Amino acid sequence: MNDKTLFFEAAGVQTVLAPLANNTGSGDSCLIMDLMSSRPLTDSQILLTVSFGNFAGNATTDGQGPLSFEETVYARTQMFVRHVDTSAWGYITMTDENFFGSMEPTASDRVYSYRLVIPSQGQAGTDMDQLTIYPARHLLKSTAKEEPDHEYLMRLMRSYQLQQSPDVD
């Protein structure tokens, strides 16, 4: 893939089942975010993305602020909630699902993939003693192509700038 740009055609996430939760009460919930970006993110940057999506833009000139639209290859948030009608079920019900991302091409040599799970307690008196999150597979269909030198060099420079933070594998 040297000297080529990655053009994304499709993205998605495959999962097995909805989360399984035991000893829950009405209002207990779980947020799951699947995120693929063209730069590595710190924990605080991931939390900013959960709060603001990629709508805050990249607030710093060094590329280390919140995730921008162009850097978000794919993102999906799902909210699962235990409600009165399903309180006897083991699985919690998905009540909301949102997608955002640009699918913008990148000259970066990596796509960073994250899965964030945030459980929350809805009412006092219940203690969720088990939350099972089943495996997920992040999928990207892409093609690596050469592009004119100037465009490629500008994209490569931007990818390099964004990856100057420590990369933890």
C-alpha atoms as a PDB file:
ATOM      1  CA  MET A   1       0.000   0.000   0.000  1.00  0.00           C
ATOM      2  CA  ASN A   2       2.996   2.305  -0.161  1.00  0.00           C
ATOM      3  CA  ASP A   3       2.249   5.559  -1.955  1.00  0.00           C
ATOM      4  CA  LYS A   4      -1.431   4.730  -2.278  1.00  0.00           C
ATOM      5  CA  THR A   5      -4.567   6.258  -0.873  1.00  0.00           C
ATOM      6  CA  LEU A   6      -7.232   4.135   0.768  1.00  0.00           C
ATOM      7  CA  PHE A   7     -10.714   4.864  -0.618  1.00  0.00           C
ATOM      8  CA  PHE A   8     -13.564   3.447   1.481  1.00  0.00           C
ATOM      9  CA  GLU A   9     -16.577   1.955  -0.262  1.00  0.00           C
ATOM     10  CA  ALA A  10     -18.602   0.502   2.626  1.00  0.00           C
ATOM     11  CA  ALA A  11     -18.403   0.045   6.386  1.00  0.00           C
ATOM     12  CA  GLY A  12     -20.339  -1.867   8.979  1.00  0.00           C
ATOM     13  CA  VAL A  13     -20.347  -3.767  12.240  1.00  0.00           C
ATOM     14  CA  GLN A  14     -21.453  -7.361  12.708  1.00  0.00           C
ATOM     15  CA  THR A  15     -22.638  -8.469  16.139  1.00  0.00           C
ATOM     16  CA  VAL A  16     -24.067 -11.709  17.492  1.00  0.00           C
ATOM     17  CA  LEU A  17     -26.781 -10.611  19.933  1.00  0.00           C
ATOM     18  CA  ALA A  18     -28.002  -7.657  21.962  1.00  0.00           C
ATOM     19  CA  PRO A  19     -26.333  -7.255  25.369  1.00  0.00           C
ATOM     20  CA  LEU A  20     -27.436  -9.624  28.130  1.00  0.00           C
ATOM     21  CA  ALA A  21     -27.966  -8.108  31.579  1.00  0.00           C
ATOM     22  CA  ASN A  22     -28.922  -9.720  34.876  1.00  0.00           C
ATOM     23  CA  ASN A  23     -30.458  -8.207  38.001  1.00  0.00           C
ATOM     24  CA  THR A  24     -31.571  -5.036  36.258  1.00  0.00           C
ATOM     25  CA  GLY A  25     -34.415  -2.641  36.832  1.00  0.00           C
ATOM     26  CA  SER A  26     -36.411  -0.443  34.533  1.00  0.00           C
ATOM     27  CA  GLY A  27     -34.194   2.308  33.174  1.00  0.00           C
ATOM     28  CA  ASP A  28     -30.878   0.461  33.441  1.00  0.00           C
ATOM     29  CA  SER A  29     -29.050   0.973  30.185  1.00  0.00           C
ATOM     30  CA  CYS A  30     -25.937   0.411  28.147  1.00  0.00           C
ATOM     31  CA  LEU A  31     -24.424   2.602  25.418  1.00  0.00           C
ATOM     32  CA  ILE A  32     -22.207   0.899  22.837  1.00  0.00           C
ATOM     33  CA  MET A  33     -20.130   2.924  20.397  1.00  0.00           C
ATOM     34  CA  ASP A  34     -18.243   1.367  17.492  1.00  0.00           C
ATOM     35  CA  LEU A  35     -15.734   3.788  16.001  1.00  0.00           C
ATOM     36  CA  MET A  36     -13.187   3.637  13.181  1.00  0.00           C
ATOM     37  CA  SER A  37     -10.896   6.611  12.637  1.00  0.00           C
ATOM     38  CA  SER A  38      -7.878   7.581  10.597  1.00  0.00           C
ATOM     39  CA  ARG A  39      -5.925   8.648  13.693  1.00  0.00           C
ATOM     40  CA  PRO A  40      -5.318   7.184  17.139  1.00  0.00           C
ATOM     41  CA  LEU A  41      -7.403   8.583  19.979  1.00  0.00           C
ATOM     42  CA  THR A  42      -6.785   9.009  23.675  1.00  0.00           C
ATOM     43  CA  ASP A  43      -9.412   7.948  26.214  1.00  0.00           C
ATOM     44  CA  SER A  44     -10.529  11.554  26.695  1.00  0.00           C
ATOM     45  CA  GLN A  45     -10.860  12.073  22.922  1.00  0.00           C
ATOM     46  CA  ILE A  46     -13.032   8.954  22.688  1.00  0.00           C
ATOM     47  CA  LEU A  47     -15.247  10.290  25.494  1.00  0.00           C
ATOM     48  CA  LEU A  48     -15.519  13.626  23.645  1.00  0.00           C
ATOM     49  CA  THR A  49     -16.678  11.679  20.590  1.00  0.00           C
ATOM     50  CA  VAL A  50     -19.327   9.911  22.689  1.00  0.00           C
ATOM     51  CA  SER A  51     -20.560  13.272  23.974  1.00  0.00           C
ATOM     52  CA  PHE A  52     -20.347  15.398  20.826  1.00  0.00           C
ATOM     53  CA  GLY A  53     -19.887  12.965  17.929  1.00  0.00           C
ATOM     54  CA  ASN A  54     -17.623  14.460  15.332  1.00  0.00           C
ATOM     55  CA  PHE A  55     -19.574  17.711  15.299  1.00  0.00           C
ATOM     56  CA  ALA A  56     -17.111  19.576  17.522  1.00  0.00           C
ATOM     57  CA  GLY A  57     -14.509  19.509  14.758  1.00  0.00           C
ATOM     58  CA  ASN A  58     -10.806  19.366  15.384  1.00  0.00           C
ATOM     59  CA  ALA A  59     -10.420  22.207  17.867  1.00  0.00           C
ATOM     60  CA  THR A  60      -6.604  22.229  17.931  1.00  0.00           C
ATOM     61  CA  THR A  61      -4.072  22.903  15.212  1.00  0.00           C
ATOM     62  CA  ASP A  62      -1.935  19.893  16.175  1.00  0.00           C
ATOM     63  CA  GLY A  63      -4.743  17.466  15.289  1.00  0.00           C
ATOM     64  CA  GLN A  64      -5.102  16.230  18.854  1.00  0.00           C
ATOM     65  CA  GLY A  65      -8.462  17.771  19.698  1.00  0.00           C
ATOM     66  CA  PRO A  66     -11.865  16.165  19.253  1.00  0.00           C
ATOM     67  CA  LEU A  67     -12.337  13.886  16.277  1.00  0.00           C
ATOM     68  CA  SER A  68     -13.295  15.767  13.108  1.00  0.00           C
ATOM     69  CA  PHE A  69     -15.768  14.671  10.444  1.00  0.00           C
ATOM     70  CA  GLU A  70     -12.992  13.897   7.951  1.00  0.00           C
ATOM     71  CA  GLU A  71     -11.118  11.708  10.467  1.00  0.00           C
ATOM     72  CA  THR A  72     -14.218   9.677  11.335  1.00  0.00           C
ATOM     73  CA  VAL A  73     -14.276   6.809   8.871  1.00  0.00           C
ATOM     74  CA  TYR A  74     -17.311   5.179  10.510  1.00  0.00           C
ATOM     75  CA  ALA A  75     -19.129   5.469  13.802  1.00  0.00           C
ATOM     76  CA  ARG A  76     -22.233   3.870  15.277  1.00  0.00           C
ATOM     77  CA  THR A  77     -23.842   4.413  18.666  1.00  0.00           C
ATOM     78  CA  GLN A  78     -26.504   2.124  20.091  1.00  0.00           C
ATOM     79  CA  MET A  79     -28.523   2.637  23.263  1.00  0.00           C
ATOM     80  CA  PHE A  80     -29.911  -0.456  24.983  1.00  0.00           C
ATOM     81  CA  VAL A  81     -32.408   0.000  27.819  1.00  0.00           C
ATOM     82  CA  ARG A  82     -34.336  -2.205  30.223  1.00  0.00           C
ATOM     83  CA  HIS A  83     -37.939  -1.026  30.338  1.00  0.00           C
ATOM     84  CA  VAL A  84     -41.099  -2.125  32.095  1.00  0.00           C
ATOM     85  CA  ASP A  85     -42.361  -4.365  29.280  1.00  0.00           C
ATOM     86  CA  THR A  86     -39.094  -6.317  29.006  1.00  0.00           C
ATOM     87  CA  SER A  87     -38.023  -6.466  32.633  1.00  0.00           C
ATOM     88  CA  ALA A  88     -38.306 -10.274  32.693  1.00  0.00           C
ATOM     89  CA  TRP A  89     -36.131 -10.768  29.593  1.00  0.00           C
ATOM     90  CA  GLY A  90     -32.419 -11.419  29.828  1.00  0.00           C
ATOM     91  CA  TYR A  91     -31.569  -9.219  26.847  1.00  0.00           C
ATOM     92  CA  ILE A  92     -31.915  -5.471  26.989  1.00  0.00           C
ATOM     93  CA  THR A  93     -33.724  -3.734  24.143  1.00  0.00           C
ATOM     94  CA  MET A  94     -32.134  -1.384  21.616  1.00  0.00           C
ATOM     95  CA  THR A  95     -34.001   1.924  21.721  1.00  0.00           C
ATOM     96  CA  ASP A  96     -31.754   4.120  19.584  1.00  0.00           C
ATOM     97  CA  GLU A  97     -29.104   3.726  16.887  1.00  0.00           C
ATOM     98  CA  ASN A  98     -27.162   6.483  15.140  1.00  0.00           C
ATOM     99  CA  PHE A  99     -24.500   6.476  12.455  1.00  0.00           C
ATOM    100  CA  PHE A 100     -21.995   9.157  11.563  1.00  0.00           C
ATOM    101  CA  GLY A 101     -18.763   9.254   9.606  1.00  0.00           C
ATOM    102  CA  SER A 102     -17.306  10.650   6.428  1.00  0.00           C
ATOM    103  CA  MET A 103     -15.800   7.605   4.687  1.00  0.00           C
ATOM    104  CA  GLU A 104     -13.153  10.100   3.512  1.00  0.00           C
ATOM    105  CA  PRO A 105     -10.073   8.640   1.803  1.00  0.00           C
ATOM    106  CA  THR A 106      -6.865   8.484   3.832  1.00  0.00           C
ATOM    107  CA  ALA A 107      -3.154   8.107   3.159  1.00  0.00           C
ATOM    108  CA  SER A 108      -2.700   6.756   6.680  1.00  0.00           C
ATOM    109  CA  ASP A 109      -1.221   3.266   6.908  1.00  0.00           C
ATOM    110  CA  ARG A 110      -3.788   2.300   9.597  1.00  0.00           C
ATOM    111  CA  VAL A 111      -7.414   2.596  10.496  1.00  0.00           C
ATOM    112  CA  TYR A 112      -7.950   2.663  14.259  1.00  0.00           C
ATOM    113  CA  SER A 113     -10.894   0.669  15.552  1.00  0.00           C
ATOM    114  CA  TYR A 114     -12.558   1.164  18.945  1.00  0.00           C
ATOM    115  CA  ARG A 115     -15.512  -0.307  20.823  1.00  0.00           C
ATOM    116  CA  LEU A 116     -16.718   1.556  23.880  1.00  0.00           C
ATOM    117  CA  VAL A 117     -19.289   0.243  26.367  1.00  0.00           C
ATOM    118  CA  ILE A 118     -20.860   2.510  29.000  1.00  0.00           C
ATOM    119  CA  PRO A 119     -23.367   0.879  31.389  1.00  0.00           C
ATOM    120  CA  SER A 120     -25.574   3.050  33.574  1.00  0.00           C
ATOM    121  CA  GLN A 121     -27.996   2.455  36.399  1.00  0.00           C
ATOM    122  CA  GLY A 122     -31.496   3.800  35.864  1.00  0.00           C
ATOM    123  CA  GLN A 123     -33.067   3.549  39.282  1.00  0.00           C
ATOM    124  CA  ALA A 124     -31.776   3.081  42.780  1.00  0.00           C
ATOM    125  CA  GLY A 125     -32.064  -0.318  44.355  1.00  0.00           C
ATOM    126  CA  THR A 126     -30.872  -2.458  41.441  1.00  0.00           C
ATOM    127  CA  ASP A 127     -27.331  -3.617  41.033  1.00  0.00           C
ATOM    128  CA  MET A 128     -26.627  -4.964  37.573  1.00  0.00           C
ATOM    129  CA  ASP A 129     -24.430  -7.929  38.478  1.00  0.00           C
ATOM    130  CA  GLN A 130     -23.700  -9.059  34.929  1.00  0.00           C
ATOM    131  CA  LEU A 131     -23.503  -7.341  31.560  1.00  0.00           C
ATOM    132  CA  THR A 132     -22.506  -9.539  28.647  1.00  0.00           C
ATOM    133  CA  ILE A 133     -21.405  -7.740  25.496  1.00  0.00           C
ATOM    134  CA  TYR A 134     -21.037 -10.156  22.626  1.00  0.00           C
ATOM    135  CA  PRO A 135     -18.197  -9.972  20.097  1.00  0.00           C
ATOM    136  CA  ALA A 136     -18.322  -7.564  17.199  1.00  0.00           C
ATOM    137  CA  ARG A 137     -16.518  -7.447  13.886  1.00  0.00           C
ATOM    138  CA  HIS A 138     -15.668  -4.092  12.320  1.00  0.00           C
ATOM    139  CA  LEU A 139     -15.770  -4.272   8.524  1.00  0.00           C
ATOM    140  CA  LEU A 140     -14.367  -1.869   5.943  1.00  0.00           C
ATOM    141  CA  LYS A 141     -14.507  -2.426   2.210  1.00  0.00           C
ATOM    142  CA  SER A 142     -11.887  -0.296   0.538  1.00  0.00           C
ATOM    143  CA  THR A 143      -9.659   0.059  -2.478  1.00  0.00           C
ATOM    144  CA  ALA A 144      -6.066   1.297  -2.481  1.00  0.00           C
ATOM    145  CA  LYS A 145      -5.392   3.532  -5.470  1.00  0.00           C
ATOM    146  CA  GLU A 146      -2.748   5.908  -6.629  1.00  0.00           C
ATOM    147  CA  GLU A 147      -3.745   9.532  -6.967  1.00  0.00           C
ATOM    148  CA  PRO A 148      -1.982  12.620  -8.359  1.00  0.00           C
ATOM    149  CA  ASP A 149       1.231  13.407  -6.489  1.00  0.00           C
ATOM    150  CA  HIS A 150       0.120  16.739  -5.013  1.00  0.00           C
ATOM    151  CA  GLU A 151      -3.150  15.360  -3.628  1.00  0.00           C
ATOM    152  CA  TYR A 152      -1.420  12.285  -2.243  1.00  0.00           C
ATOM    153  CA  LEU A 153       1.377  14.291  -0.606  1.00  0.00           C
ATOM    154  CA  MET A 154      -1.110  16.646   1.052  1.00  0.00           C
ATOM    155  CA  ARG A 155      -3.162  13.698   2.347  1.00  0.00           C
ATOM    156  CA  LEU A 156       0.012  11.923   3.512  1.00  0.00           C
ATOM    157  CA  MET A 157       1.206  15.053   5.323  1.00  0.00           C
ATOM    158  CA  ARG A 158      -2.146  15.352   7.126  1.00  0.00           C
ATOM    159  CA  SER A 159      -2.085  11.654   8.103  1.00  0.00           C
ATOM    160  CA  TYR A 160       1.451  12.064   9.421  1.00  0.00           C
ATOM    161  CA  GLN A 161       0.483  15.122  11.482  1.00  0.00           C
ATOM    162  CA  LEU A 162      -2.471  13.291  13.004  1.00  0.00           C
ATOM    163  CA  GLN A 163      -0.376  10.269  13.983  1.00  0.00           C
ATOM    164  CA  GLN A 164       2.248  12.172  15.952  1.00  0.00           C
ATOM    165  CA  SER A 165       0.620  11.226  19.223  1.00  0.00           C
ATOM    166  CA  PRO A 166       1.872   7.996  20.822  1.00  0.00           C
ATOM    167  CA  ASP A 167       0.466   4.899  19.142  1.00  0.00           C
ATOM    168  CA  VAL A 168      -0.378   2.181  21.652  1.00  0.00           C
ATOM    169  CA  ASP A 169      -1.025  -1.222  20.052  1.00  0.00           C
END
